[in-house]
Amino acid sequence: MRANMVVRESPVLSYLTHDQLDAIHNATLELLATTGVQILQEEALELLKAAGAIIKPNNIVKIPEVLVKNALQTAPSRIVMSNRLGKRCLFLEPGRSYFGTGSGCPNTIDIYSQERRRTTGEDVANVARLCDCLPNIDFVMDLGLVEDKYPDLGYIYGFEAMARNTTKPIISSCANGRNAQDIIDLAAVIVGGHDQLREKTLIAIYSEATAPLRHAQDALEKLLVCAKNWVPVIHTIGSLAGASAPVTLAGALVTGNAEVLSALVIHQLKQPGAPFFHGGTITPIDMKTMVHPYGAPEFHVASACLTEMGRYYRLPVFSTGGCTDAKMFDEQASAEAAYSLLLEALAGGNLIHDIGYIDSGLTSDLSTICFSDEMIGLIKHVVCPVAVDEEHLALDAAQRVGPGGHFLKDPHTFKYFRNVFSPKLLVRDRYEIWEEKGRQTLGQAVRQKVIDLLESHRCEPFSEQVEKSFGDLISTIENRIKG
């Protein structure tokens, strides 16, 4: 091979030039310095005031550029998460994408009856158990609201259901700072203590700004608790362009970026060097239906642009894919899930979440998760690098076979043919064989696979010591709520 040959590690989707990224960044700094953000939490206000931010009436805080610059210098450029067994498995750095579910759907599609109903704790357990055995699902979010015991402890029970039914890393939603600390304490029990949790990062905590340009008390409590405990926090944008953000993509990126960077400033003032994610969701409001459209192309273009902003700042990125506005797993669901996953993978988002969201984020669906797992396997073949070296140029094989021959029996074919994508659900059989197998549609095949996996797979249980300590802590939390 040639010396100093330049190779492309993977294809990259890019919407913004460096000059455009500079323009968005500079507009963000101007917005933070002149308009500011509303901060509705006392400790965060004190941290900002002590650092030199300007506090105006109604808790409006104007943040000077130097605070943003300092925060970006101290925030880590990579985050590594571990599974329940202590293995470091998510390397959240440029060029690495991982995929997982979303959170908080009030409804679900029952895999057996195919009816839409309210989500239960058992549904969250089923999501985790399904994800545990799907090879291309890398992390788990609860994908549902647990309200069937003590509603105030819904997020606690959601975390419990995930932790018991998957060994994969978990991103947990929570209600407030107290809730976040309880979940962090439970995760620490699983891995052997808070020091071990810092070394073996099993969880990240999800939070969200209130667009436009506001940080609520509960959200900032979560942010500060995570900083104190060195647990990664995902304090995201969640805006509707045309409603809670400017209707133009560049304008929405500026206000959203201001929300993220102002949260980062508070976070790094609390604990310099604590792990923090950039990213979030920006989607246009559909003016005909007034819904938050998860299948909108603008949504996923915005996510790709936020990924570019994260790379610009050298921060890990939380992104979105595998979701749909369809009301069940059908042709629309498969199309929107597949294109969004491909686009976000090409953009290079680190944590690509919301797999399993249907019905514009109001309903969860196990079939969509299972189908997305197959799509991610296919996408990994699309975004992988093209190897151009002596072995892959295959001159020796071509010379052995020569004109008019075939490569079926050549050793080079035996060595590499398994690298070709081989689908499990998508059909490649000849028509007659497909008929002999029962003329099964994709939807039927996906549903049957989900049922088979749920009925056959069981996650590795807690050890006896962890089981006792975990159960005792759950009881303590319940007793505190009951008073």
Protein backbone atom coordinates (compact mmCIF):
# COMPACT_ATOMS: atom_id res chain seq x y z
CA MET A 1 0.00 0.00 0.00
CA ARG A 2 1.04 3.61 -0.51
CA ALA A 3 2.76 5.41 2.35
CA ASN A 4 0.66 8.08 4.12
CA MET A 5 -2.49 7.04 2.27
CA VAL A 6 -5.51 9.09 3.36
CA VAL A 7 -8.58 7.01 4.21
CA ARG A 8 -12.14 7.89 5.27
CA GLU A 9 -13.13 6.15 8.48
CA SER A 10 -16.84 6.50 7.76
CA PRO A 11 -19.19 8.67 5.67
CA VAL A 12 -20.23 11.88 7.41
CA LEU A 13 -23.38 13.92 6.90
CA SER A 14 -22.76 17.64 7.39
CA TYR A 15 -25.13 20.60 7.02
CA LEU A 16 -23.05 23.40 8.54
CA THR A 17 -19.65 24.81 7.64
CA HIS A 18 -17.25 25.93 10.33
CA ASP A 19 -18.13 29.54 9.53
CA GLN A 20 -21.83 28.78 10.00
CA LEU A 21 -21.11 27.07 13.31
CA ASP A 22 -19.15 30.15 14.35
CA ALA A 23 -22.14 32.33 13.42
CA ILE A 24 -24.55 30.24 15.53
CA HIS A 25 -22.11 30.24 18.44
CA ASN A 26 -21.59 34.02 18.30
CA ALA A 27 -25.35 34.66 18.07
CA THR A 28 -25.79 32.39 21.11
CA LEU A 29 -23.21 34.37 23.09
CA GLU A 30 -24.97 37.61 22.14
CA LEU A 31 -28.35 36.25 23.22
CA LEU A 32 -27.00 35.06 26.57
CA ALA A 33 -25.24 38.38 27.23
CA THR A 34 -28.12 40.68 26.24
CA THR A 35 -31.41 38.81 26.69
CA GLY A 36 -30.28 36.13 29.12
CA VAL A 37 -32.19 33.17 30.53
CA GLN A 38 -34.66 32.83 33.37
CA ILE A 39 -33.29 30.78 36.27
CA LEU A 40 -35.90 29.51 38.74
CA GLN A 41 -33.66 27.80 41.31
CA GLU A 42 -31.91 29.54 44.18
CA GLU A 43 -28.59 27.66 44.28
CA ALA A 44 -28.14 28.09 40.52
CA LEU A 45 -28.76 31.84 40.88
CA GLU A 46 -26.18 32.05 43.66
CA LEU A 47 -23.59 30.16 41.62
CA LEU A 48 -24.12 32.45 38.64
CA LYS A 49 -24.04 35.64 40.71
CA ALA A 50 -20.82 34.61 42.47
CA ALA A 51 -19.21 33.85 39.10
CA GLY A 52 -20.00 37.31 37.70
CA ALA A 53 -23.31 36.87 35.86
CA ILE A 54 -25.71 39.81 35.93
CA ILE A 55 -28.94 39.11 37.82
CA LYS A 56 -31.93 41.18 36.67
CA PRO A 57 -35.53 41.34 37.99
CA ASN A 58 -37.73 38.24 37.58
CA ASN A 59 -34.63 36.01 37.88
CA ILE A 60 -33.38 36.90 34.41
CA VAL A 61 -29.66 36.16 34.24
CA LYS A 62 -27.32 37.66 31.65
CA ILE A 63 -24.32 35.41 31.17
CA PRO A 64 -21.01 36.90 29.96
CA GLU A 65 -18.95 35.09 27.33
CA VAL A 66 -16.15 34.22 29.73
CA LEU A 67 -18.44 31.95 31.79
CA VAL A 68 -19.42 30.02 28.67
CA LYS A 69 -15.78 29.75 27.61
CA ASN A 70 -14.72 28.49 31.04
CA ALA A 71 -17.51 25.89 31.14
CA LEU A 72 -16.58 24.56 27.73
CA GLN A 73 -12.97 24.22 28.84
CA THR A 74 -13.78 22.16 31.95
CA ALA A 75 -16.54 19.89 30.56
CA PRO A 76 -15.18 16.49 29.43
CA SER A 77 -15.02 15.80 25.70
CA ARG A 78 -15.94 12.12 26.11
CA ILE A 79 -18.07 10.04 28.45
CA VAL A 80 -17.75 6.29 28.95
CA MET A 81 -20.72 4.35 30.31
CA SER A 82 -20.71 0.82 31.69
CA ASN A 83 -23.25 -1.97 31.88
CA ARG A 84 -24.59 -3.54 35.07
CA LEU A 85 -21.75 -6.09 35.02
CA GLY A 86 -19.15 -3.33 35.13
CA LYS A 87 -17.98 -3.55 31.52
CA ARG A 88 -17.20 -0.20 29.86
CA CYS A 89 -19.31 -0.41 26.70
CA LEU A 90 -20.51 3.02 25.49
CA PHE A 91 -17.59 5.17 24.37
CA LEU A 92 -19.32 8.49 23.75
CA GLU A 93 -16.78 10.30 21.62
CA PRO A 94 -16.58 11.54 18.01
CA GLY A 95 -17.39 8.86 15.44
CA ARG A 96 -19.23 6.48 17.78
CA SER A 97 -23.01 6.11 17.77
CA TYR A 98 -25.15 4.05 20.13
CA PHE A 99 -28.89 3.44 20.02
CA GLY A 100 -31.66 3.14 22.60
CA THR A 101 -35.28 3.75 23.50
CA GLY A 102 -37.08 6.90 24.67
CA SER A 103 -38.97 7.67 27.87
CA GLY A 104 -42.25 8.75 29.36
CA CYS A 105 -44.97 7.51 26.98
CA PRO A 106 -48.32 7.43 28.81
CA ASN A 107 -49.68 4.77 26.42
CA THR A 108 -48.44 1.57 24.81
CA ILE A 109 -49.50 -0.89 22.12
CA ASP A 110 -50.12 -4.25 23.78
CA ILE A 111 -48.03 -6.76 21.84
CA TYR A 112 -50.62 -9.51 22.32
CA SER A 113 -53.94 -7.70 21.78
CA GLN A 114 -52.52 -4.93 19.57
CA GLU A 115 -54.75 -2.50 21.48
CA ARG A 116 -53.60 0.91 22.73
CA ARG A 117 -53.79 1.19 26.54
CA ARG A 118 -52.15 2.94 29.49
CA THR A 119 -48.58 1.95 30.30
CA THR A 120 -47.80 -0.14 33.40
CA GLY A 121 -44.67 -1.17 35.26
CA GLU A 122 -44.80 -4.53 33.51
CA ASP A 123 -44.58 -2.74 30.16
CA VAL A 124 -41.38 -0.96 31.25
CA ALA A 125 -39.97 -4.34 32.32
CA ASN A 126 -40.89 -5.81 28.93
CA VAL A 127 -39.14 -2.95 27.12
CA ALA A 128 -35.98 -3.56 29.13
CA ARG A 129 -36.13 -7.34 28.67
CA LEU A 130 -36.62 -7.00 24.90
CA CYS A 131 -33.77 -4.50 24.62
CA ASP A 132 -31.56 -6.72 26.73
CA CYS A 133 -31.53 -9.40 24.03
CA LEU A 134 -31.57 -7.23 20.89
CA PRO A 135 -27.95 -6.92 19.70
CA ASN A 136 -28.17 -3.42 18.23
CA ILE A 137 -29.95 -1.72 21.13
CA ASP A 138 -27.16 -0.34 23.29
CA PHE A 139 -28.92 1.48 26.15
CA VAL A 140 -32.38 1.60 27.71
CA MET A 141 -34.82 4.32 28.70
CA ASP A 142 -38.13 3.38 30.34
CA LEU A 143 -40.41 4.22 27.36
CA GLY A 144 -43.35 4.56 29.74
CA LEU A 145 -44.86 6.23 32.79
CA VAL A 146 -45.33 3.89 35.76
CA GLU A 147 -48.43 4.94 37.69
CA ASP A 148 -49.82 1.65 38.94
CA LYS A 149 -48.57 1.68 42.57
CA TYR A 150 -47.47 5.02 44.07
CA PRO A 151 -47.59 7.58 41.22
CA ASP A 152 -45.10 9.82 43.07
CA LEU A 153 -42.58 6.99 42.79
CA GLY A 154 -43.23 6.25 39.13
CA TYR A 155 -39.68 7.05 38.04
CA ILE A 156 -38.26 4.96 40.90
CA TYR A 157 -40.32 1.96 39.82
CA GLY A 158 -39.37 2.64 36.22
CA PHE A 159 -35.68 2.51 37.12
CA GLU A 160 -36.24 -0.65 39.15
CA ALA A 161 -37.99 -2.34 36.20
CA MET A 162 -35.12 -1.43 33.87
CA ALA A 163 -32.36 -2.40 36.29
CA ARG A 164 -33.89 -5.81 36.96
CA ASN A 165 -34.55 -6.65 33.31
CA THR A 166 -31.45 -5.49 31.46
CA THR A 167 -27.72 -5.37 32.10
CA LYS A 168 -27.31 -2.55 29.54
CA PRO A 169 -26.62 1.09 30.52
CA ILE A 170 -29.69 3.05 31.62
CA ILE A 171 -30.80 6.63 31.03
CA SER A 172 -33.33 7.48 33.69
CA SER A 173 -35.91 10.23 33.79
CA CYS A 174 -36.92 11.67 37.15
CA ALA A 175 -39.19 14.31 38.64
CA ASN A 176 -36.81 16.48 40.67
CA GLY A 177 -33.55 16.55 42.58
CA ARG A 178 -34.74 14.24 45.37
CA ASN A 179 -35.94 11.76 42.77
CA ALA A 180 -32.61 11.97 40.93
CA GLN A 181 -30.63 11.34 44.13
CA ASP A 182 -32.76 8.29 44.95
CA ILE A 183 -32.12 6.81 41.50
CA ILE A 184 -28.39 7.54 41.77
CA ASP A 185 -28.34 5.85 45.20
CA LEU A 186 -30.11 2.78 43.76
CA ALA A 187 -27.61 2.61 40.90
CA ALA A 188 -24.77 2.87 43.42
CA VAL A 189 -26.17 -0.14 45.30
CA ILE A 190 -26.08 -2.17 42.08
CA VAL A 191 -22.42 -1.43 41.27
CA GLY A 192 -21.06 -1.46 44.83
CA GLY A 193 -21.10 2.14 46.03
CA HIS A 194 -20.93 5.74 44.85
CA ASP A 195 -17.20 5.62 44.17
CA GLN A 196 -17.74 2.53 42.03
CA LEU A 197 -20.60 4.27 40.22
CA ARG A 198 -18.24 7.04 39.21
CA GLU A 199 -15.83 4.44 37.81
CA LYS A 200 -18.57 2.24 36.32
CA THR A 201 -21.08 4.75 34.99
CA LEU A 202 -24.24 2.65 34.76
CA ILE A 203 -26.68 5.56 34.47
CA ALA A 204 -27.22 9.02 33.05
CA ILE A 205 -30.06 11.32 34.16
CA TYR A 206 -32.38 13.03 31.68
CA SER A 207 -33.56 16.60 32.20
CA GLU A 208 -34.83 19.38 29.94
CA ALA A 209 -34.89 23.16 29.60
CA THR A 210 -38.26 24.93 29.33
CA ALA A 211 -38.23 26.67 25.97
CA PRO A 212 -37.81 29.47 25.36
CA LEU A 213 -34.80 30.39 27.52
CA ARG A 214 -36.00 29.16 30.89
CA HIS A 215 -34.72 26.62 33.40
CA ALA A 216 -37.33 25.40 35.90
CA GLN A 217 -36.56 24.61 39.53
CA ASP A 218 -37.05 20.85 39.23
CA ALA A 219 -34.86 20.61 36.13
CA LEU A 220 -32.04 22.58 37.74
CA GLU A 221 -32.27 20.46 40.89
CA LYS A 222 -31.63 17.39 38.74
CA LEU A 223 -28.74 19.13 37.02
CA LEU A 224 -27.08 20.09 40.29
CA VAL A 225 -27.57 16.66 41.88
CA CYS A 226 -25.91 15.03 38.87
CA ALA A 227 -22.99 17.46 39.02
CA LYS A 228 -22.54 16.77 42.74
CA ASN A 229 -22.51 13.00 42.15
CA TRP A 230 -20.43 13.08 38.92
CA VAL A 231 -23.30 11.32 37.12
CA PRO A 232 -23.75 12.30 33.43
CA VAL A 233 -26.66 14.64 32.83
CA ILE A 234 -28.60 15.11 29.60
CA HIS A 235 -30.15 18.58 30.03
CA THR A 236 -31.67 18.90 26.59
CA ILE A 237 -33.39 21.30 24.28
CA GLY A 238 -37.08 20.49 23.83
CA SER A 239 -38.53 23.15 21.57
CA LEU A 240 -41.17 23.60 18.89
CA ALA A 241 -39.98 25.85 16.07
CA GLY A 242 -42.71 28.41 15.46
CA ALA A 243 -44.08 28.10 19.00
CA SER A 244 -41.41 27.92 21.71
CA ALA A 245 -38.50 28.72 19.34
CA PRO A 246 -38.06 30.78 16.15
CA VAL A 247 -39.58 29.07 13.12
CA THR A 248 -36.31 29.15 11.16
CA LEU A 249 -33.81 26.37 11.79
CA ALA A 250 -30.90 28.75 12.45
CA GLY A 251 -33.00 30.78 14.89
CA ALA A 252 -34.17 27.66 16.73
CA LEU A 253 -30.57 26.44 16.93
CA VAL A 254 -29.51 29.72 18.54
CA THR A 255 -32.19 29.73 21.26
CA GLY A 256 -31.78 26.01 21.88
CA ASN A 257 -28.02 26.32 22.05
CA ALA A 258 -28.40 29.17 24.54
CA GLU A 259 -30.51 26.88 26.74
CA VAL A 260 -27.91 24.12 26.63
CA LEU A 261 -24.88 26.36 27.19
CA SER A 262 -26.49 28.26 30.08
CA ALA A 263 -27.24 24.91 31.74
CA LEU A 264 -23.65 23.84 31.12
CA VAL A 265 -22.37 27.01 32.83
CA ILE A 266 -24.41 26.25 35.97
CA HIS A 267 -23.38 22.59 35.87
CA GLN A 268 -19.66 23.35 35.60
CA LEU A 269 -19.83 26.05 38.28
CA LYS A 270 -21.24 23.39 40.62
CA GLN A 271 -18.67 20.73 39.70
CA PRO A 272 -15.97 21.53 37.13
CA GLY A 273 -15.28 18.47 34.98
CA ALA A 274 -18.58 16.71 35.67
CA PRO A 275 -19.97 14.91 32.56
CA PHE A 276 -22.56 16.74 30.44
CA PHE A 277 -24.29 16.07 27.08
CA HIS A 278 -25.13 18.57 24.35
CA GLY A 279 -28.16 18.01 22.12
CA GLY A 280 -31.90 17.61 22.30
CA THR A 281 -34.93 17.98 20.07
CA ILE A 282 -36.04 20.83 17.84
CA THR A 283 -39.03 20.18 15.64
CA PRO A 284 -41.48 22.43 13.80
CA ILE A 285 -44.99 22.61 15.17
CA ASP A 286 -47.45 21.28 12.61
CA MET A 287 -49.76 24.26 12.17
CA LYS A 288 -52.59 22.06 10.79
CA THR A 289 -52.67 19.57 13.66
CA MET A 290 -50.70 21.43 16.40
CA VAL A 291 -48.72 18.26 17.14
CA HIS A 292 -45.02 17.73 17.77
CA PRO A 293 -44.20 15.72 14.60
CA TYR A 294 -41.57 13.06 15.23
CA GLY A 295 -41.42 12.09 11.56
CA ALA A 296 -40.80 15.62 10.30
CA PRO A 297 -37.64 15.90 8.19
CA GLU A 298 -36.91 19.26 9.84
CA PHE A 299 -36.78 17.47 13.21
CA HIS A 300 -33.98 15.16 12.13
CA VAL A 301 -32.11 17.79 10.15
CA ALA A 302 -32.13 19.90 13.33
CA SER A 303 -30.86 16.90 15.31
CA ALA A 304 -28.03 16.48 12.81
CA CYS A 305 -27.17 20.18 13.17
CA LEU A 306 -27.18 19.86 16.98
CA THR A 307 -24.76 16.96 16.59
CA GLU A 308 -22.49 19.25 14.60
CA MET A 309 -22.76 21.86 17.36
CA GLY A 310 -21.78 19.23 19.92
CA ARG A 311 -18.72 18.29 17.88
CA TYR A 312 -17.88 22.00 17.53
CA TYR A 313 -17.85 22.25 21.34
CA ARG A 314 -16.17 18.85 21.81
CA LEU A 315 -19.10 17.60 23.89
CA PRO A 316 -20.86 14.21 23.66
CA VAL A 317 -24.24 14.50 21.90
CA PHE A 318 -27.73 13.22 22.72
CA SER A 319 -29.71 12.75 19.49
CA THR A 320 -32.98 11.25 18.22
CA GLY A 321 -34.08 8.53 15.78
CA GLY A 322 -36.27 5.45 15.35
CA CYS A 323 -39.50 7.34 16.04
CA THR A 324 -42.68 8.03 14.09
CA ASP A 325 -46.03 9.79 14.02
CA ALA A 326 -47.78 6.58 12.89
CA LYS A 327 -50.37 5.16 15.29
CA MET A 328 -49.14 1.58 15.03
CA PHE A 329 -46.23 -0.31 13.48
CA ASP A 330 -47.07 -0.03 9.79
CA GLU A 331 -45.55 1.22 6.53
CA GLN A 332 -45.35 4.80 7.79
CA ALA A 333 -43.70 3.71 11.05
CA SER A 334 -41.07 1.63 9.29
CA ALA A 335 -40.27 4.40 6.79
CA GLU A 336 -39.94 7.17 9.40
CA ALA A 337 -38.01 5.01 11.86
CA ALA A 338 -35.56 3.82 9.20
CA TYR A 339 -34.81 7.19 7.60
CA SER A 340 -34.38 8.97 10.95
CA LEU A 341 -31.99 6.30 12.26
CA LEU A 342 -29.90 6.45 9.09
CA LEU A 343 -29.75 10.26 9.09
CA GLU A 344 -28.69 10.48 12.74
CA ALA A 345 -26.12 7.71 12.34
CA LEU A 346 -24.60 9.52 9.34
CA ALA A 347 -24.55 12.75 11.38
CA GLY A 348 -22.65 10.96 14.16
CA GLY A 349 -24.84 11.48 17.24
CA ASN A 350 -23.51 9.58 20.25
CA LEU A 351 -26.69 8.56 22.10
CA ILE A 352 -29.51 8.18 19.56
CA HIS A 353 -32.70 7.76 21.57
CA ASP A 354 -36.49 7.54 21.18
CA ILE A 355 -36.54 4.17 19.41
CA GLY A 356 -40.02 2.77 19.99
CA TYR A 357 -41.84 6.12 19.99
CA ILE A 358 -44.97 6.13 17.85
CA ASP A 359 -48.03 8.41 17.85
CA SER A 360 -45.86 11.57 18.04
CA GLY A 361 -44.28 10.44 21.30
CA LEU A 362 -47.51 9.57 23.11
CA THR A 363 -47.35 5.79 22.68
CA SER A 364 -44.64 3.14 22.91
CA ASP A 365 -44.43 0.10 20.67
CA LEU A 366 -42.27 -3.01 21.06
CA SER A 367 -42.58 -3.91 17.37
CA THR A 368 -40.98 -0.61 16.37
CA ILE A 369 -38.06 -1.35 18.71
CA CYS A 370 -37.58 -4.81 17.20
CA PHE A 371 -37.77 -3.47 13.63
CA SER A 372 -35.35 -0.65 14.48
CA ASP A 373 -32.86 -3.18 15.81
CA GLU A 374 -32.81 -4.78 12.35
CA MET A 375 -32.46 -1.37 10.70
CA ILE A 376 -29.54 -0.43 12.94
CA GLY A 377 -27.78 -3.63 11.91
CA LEU A 378 -28.27 -2.63 8.27
CA ILE A 379 -27.21 0.98 8.95
CA LYS A 380 -23.97 -0.15 10.55
CA HIS A 381 -23.07 -1.63 7.17
CA VAL A 382 -23.96 1.65 5.45
CA VAL A 383 -21.84 3.88 7.71
CA CYS A 384 -18.89 1.53 8.12
CA PRO A 385 -15.61 2.46 6.38
CA VAL A 386 -14.73 0.97 3.01
CA ALA A 387 -11.54 -1.01 3.54
CA VAL A 388 -9.00 -0.38 0.78
CA ASP A 389 -5.89 -2.40 1.65
CA GLU A 390 -4.00 -5.30 0.14
CA GLU A 391 -6.41 -7.93 1.49
CA HIS A 392 -9.56 -6.10 0.42
CA LEU A 393 -8.29 -5.10 -3.03
CA ALA A 394 -8.20 -8.88 -3.59
CA LEU A 395 -5.70 -8.88 -6.46
CA ASP A 396 -4.48 -12.37 -5.48
CA ALA A 397 -8.04 -13.73 -5.60
CA ALA A 398 -8.75 -12.11 -8.96
CA GLN A 399 -5.52 -13.53 -10.38
CA ARG A 400 -6.32 -17.02 -9.06
CA VAL A 401 -9.82 -17.03 -10.59
CA GLY A 402 -8.97 -15.27 -13.82
CA PRO A 403 -11.29 -14.44 -16.74
CA GLY A 404 -14.50 -16.51 -16.89
CA GLY A 405 -14.07 -18.19 -13.49
CA HIS A 406 -16.01 -17.75 -10.25
CA PHE A 407 -15.16 -16.83 -6.70
CA LEU A 408 -17.55 -19.15 -4.85
CA LYS A 409 -14.83 -21.62 -3.80
CA ASP A 410 -11.98 -19.17 -3.47
CA PRO A 411 -10.41 -18.90 0.04
CA HIS A 412 -10.84 -15.11 -0.08
CA THR A 413 -14.63 -15.54 -0.34
CA PHE A 414 -14.72 -17.97 2.60
CA LYS A 415 -12.72 -15.52 4.67
CA TYR A 416 -14.90 -12.45 4.06
CA PHE A 417 -18.42 -13.45 2.95
CA ARG A 418 -19.80 -13.25 6.50
CA ASN A 419 -19.09 -9.52 6.47
CA VAL A 420 -22.08 -9.04 4.15
CA PHE A 421 -25.25 -7.93 5.95
CA SER A 422 -27.62 -10.83 6.51
CA PRO A 423 -31.14 -9.75 7.59
CA LYS A 424 -33.20 -11.65 10.13
CA LEU A 425 -36.59 -10.02 9.41
CA LEU A 426 -36.35 -8.56 5.93
CA VAL A 427 -37.20 -11.12 3.23
CA ARG A 428 -34.73 -12.27 0.58
CA ASP A 429 -36.25 -15.68 -0.18
CA ARG A 430 -37.51 -16.47 -3.65
CA TYR A 431 -41.27 -15.95 -4.01
CA GLU A 432 -42.07 -19.68 -3.91
CA ILE A 433 -40.13 -20.20 -0.69
CA TRP A 434 -41.78 -17.15 0.87
CA GLU A 435 -45.16 -18.70 0.01
CA GLU A 436 -44.14 -22.03 1.52
CA LYS A 437 -43.20 -20.27 4.75
CA GLY A 438 -46.71 -18.83 5.07
CA ARG A 439 -46.56 -15.53 3.14
CA GLN A 440 -45.61 -13.70 6.33
CA THR A 441 -45.52 -9.89 6.16
CA LEU A 442 -42.83 -7.84 7.87
CA GLY A 443 -45.26 -6.72 10.54
CA GLN A 444 -46.22 -10.31 11.31
CA ALA A 445 -42.59 -11.41 11.48
CA VAL A 446 -41.66 -8.56 13.81
CA ARG A 447 -44.57 -9.15 16.18
CA GLN A 448 -43.83 -12.87 16.39
CA LYS A 449 -40.17 -12.23 17.13
CA VAL A 450 -41.09 -9.83 19.95
CA ILE A 451 -43.44 -12.39 21.51
CA ASP A 452 -40.84 -15.16 21.22
CA LEU A 453 -38.14 -13.05 22.85
CA LEU A 454 -40.37 -11.86 25.69
CA GLU A 455 -41.42 -15.41 26.48
CA SER A 456 -37.92 -16.89 26.30
CA HIS A 457 -35.45 -14.30 27.57
CA ARG A 458 -34.66 -13.57 31.20
CA CYS A 459 -32.03 -11.10 32.28
CA GLU A 460 -29.20 -12.05 34.63
CA PRO A 461 -30.56 -11.43 38.16
CA PHE A 462 -29.03 -9.34 40.92
CA SER A 463 -26.70 -11.08 43.35
CA GLU A 464 -28.23 -11.94 46.74
CA GLN A 465 -26.41 -9.03 48.40
CA VAL A 466 -27.51 -6.51 45.78
CA GLU A 467 -31.07 -7.87 45.86
CA LYS A 468 -31.31 -7.29 49.61
CA SER A 469 -29.69 -3.83 49.59
CA PHE A 470 -31.70 -2.72 46.57
CA GLY A 471 -34.99 -3.93 48.07
CA ASP A 472 -34.23 -2.27 51.41
CA LEU A 473 -33.54 1.06 49.71
CA ILE A 474 -36.77 0.85 47.68
CA SER A 475 -38.67 0.24 50.95
CA THR A 476 -36.96 3.22 52.59
CA ILE A 477 -37.97 5.48 49.69
CA GLU A 478 -41.56 4.17 49.79
CA ASN A 479 -41.78 4.78 53.55
CA ARG A 480 -40.53 8.33 53.13
CA ILE A 481 -43.24 9.02 50.51
CA LYS A 482 -45.95 7.43 52.65
CA GLY A 483 -44.81 9.57 55.59
